Amino acid sequence: MKNLALGIAASLPALGLLACVAMEHREVSSAQKAHASCVQEHSESHPDCVALEERLHAAQRRYQESSRRAWACDPAQEDCPTRR
C-alpha cells in the first residue's frame, strides 16, 4: 500500500504536465479554427485575422515548450517531438 501511495505521489507532477499540454493543445486547435474562420470570412490581411494569427503562433509556442518539458526533451534537438 505504501509503495502504491509513493508511486501515485511520484506520478502527480507528470500528470499535471500532461494535463497542461492537453489544455494547450486544445488552445492551439481553438486558435487554428478561429483564424481559419476569420480568413474565410474576411482575408488573411484583415486586422482581426492578423491578431488571431499572432494568437495562434503564441499558443503553438507555449504548446511546444510544454510538450518538450513534459517529455523531457532537450529543446536544442531539431527532431524533438512536440506531440505524442
Protein backbone atom coordinates (compact mmCIF):
# COMPACT_ATOMS: atom_id res chain seq x y z
CA MET A 1 0.00 0.00 0.00
CA LYS A 2 2.83 2.37 0.87
CA ASN A 3 4.52 1.67 -2.50
CA LEU A 4 1.27 2.44 -4.30
CA ALA A 5 0.97 5.77 -2.49
CA LEU A 6 4.58 6.62 -3.32
CA GLY A 7 4.02 5.68 -6.96
CA ILE A 8 0.94 7.86 -7.18
CA ALA A 9 2.70 10.76 -5.48
CA ALA A 10 5.64 10.44 -7.86
CA SER A 11 3.40 10.46 -10.93
CA LEU A 12 1.32 13.52 -9.97
CA PRO A 13 3.77 16.12 -11.35
CA ALA A 14 3.96 14.24 -14.66
CA LEU A 15 0.18 14.03 -14.85
CA GLY A 16 -0.03 17.75 -14.17
CA LEU A 17 2.36 18.48 -17.03
CA LEU A 18 0.43 16.20 -19.38
CA ALA A 19 -2.85 17.87 -18.42
CA CYS A 20 -1.27 21.24 -19.11
CA VAL A 21 -0.05 20.01 -22.51
CA ALA A 22 -3.53 18.72 -23.35
CA MET A 23 -5.07 22.07 -22.40
CA GLU A 24 -2.53 23.93 -24.53
CA HIS A 25 -3.18 21.58 -27.44
CA ARG A 26 -6.88 22.49 -27.22
CA GLU A 27 -5.89 26.18 -27.22
CA VAL A 28 -3.90 25.63 -30.43
CA SER A 29 -6.84 23.86 -32.05
CA SER A 30 -9.20 26.63 -31.00
CA ALA A 31 -6.85 29.32 -32.29
CA GLN A 32 -6.47 27.48 -35.62
CA LYS A 33 -10.25 27.27 -36.06
CA ALA A 34 -10.74 30.94 -35.15
CA HIS A 35 -8.04 32.06 -37.57
CA ALA A 36 -9.35 29.87 -40.41
CA SER A 37 -12.87 31.16 -39.85
CA CYS A 38 -11.67 34.77 -39.89
CA VAL A 39 -9.68 34.26 -43.10
CA GLN A 40 -12.69 32.61 -44.72
CA GLU A 41 -14.95 35.49 -43.69
CA HIS A 42 -12.53 38.34 -44.36
CA SER A 43 -8.98 37.90 -45.67
CA GLU A 44 -5.53 36.91 -44.42
CA SER A 45 -4.56 40.59 -44.09
CA HIS A 46 -7.66 41.70 -42.17
CA PRO A 47 -6.59 43.18 -38.78
CA ASP A 48 -8.70 40.70 -36.82
CA CYS A 49 -7.17 37.78 -38.74
CA VAL A 50 -3.65 39.10 -38.20
CA ALA A 51 -4.34 39.29 -34.45
CA LEU A 52 -5.75 35.76 -34.48
CA GLU A 53 -2.69 34.51 -36.34
CA GLU A 54 -0.45 36.04 -33.67
CA ARG A 55 -2.58 34.33 -31.00
CA LEU A 56 -2.18 31.06 -32.89
CA HIS A 57 1.61 31.37 -33.06
CA ALA A 58 1.82 32.19 -29.35
CA ALA A 59 -0.34 29.17 -28.50
CA GLN A 60 1.83 26.94 -30.69
CA ARG A 61 5.00 28.15 -28.95
CA ARG A 62 3.51 27.51 -25.49
CA TYR A 63 2.36 24.06 -26.58
CA GLN A 64 5.77 23.13 -27.97
CA GLU A 65 7.59 24.35 -24.86
CA SER A 66 5.23 22.49 -22.53
CA SER A 67 5.43 19.34 -24.63
CA ARG A 68 9.19 19.34 -24.51
CA ARG A 69 9.16 19.78 -20.71
CA ALA A 70 6.54 17.05 -20.28
CA TRP A 71 8.52 14.54 -22.33
CA ALA A 72 11.92 15.67 -21.01
CA CYS A 73 13.10 16.52 -24.48
CA ASP A 74 16.07 18.79 -24.97
CA PRO A 75 14.77 21.87 -26.88
CA ALA A 76 18.09 22.04 -28.74
CA GLN A 77 17.17 18.88 -30.62
CA GLU A 78 15.79 19.67 -34.04
CA ASP A 79 13.77 16.47 -34.22
CA CYS A 80 12.31 16.76 -30.74
CA PRO A 81 8.69 15.61 -30.94
CA THR A 82 6.03 18.10 -29.89
CA ARG A 83 3.11 15.68 -29.86
CA ARG A 84 2.84 12.03 -28.91
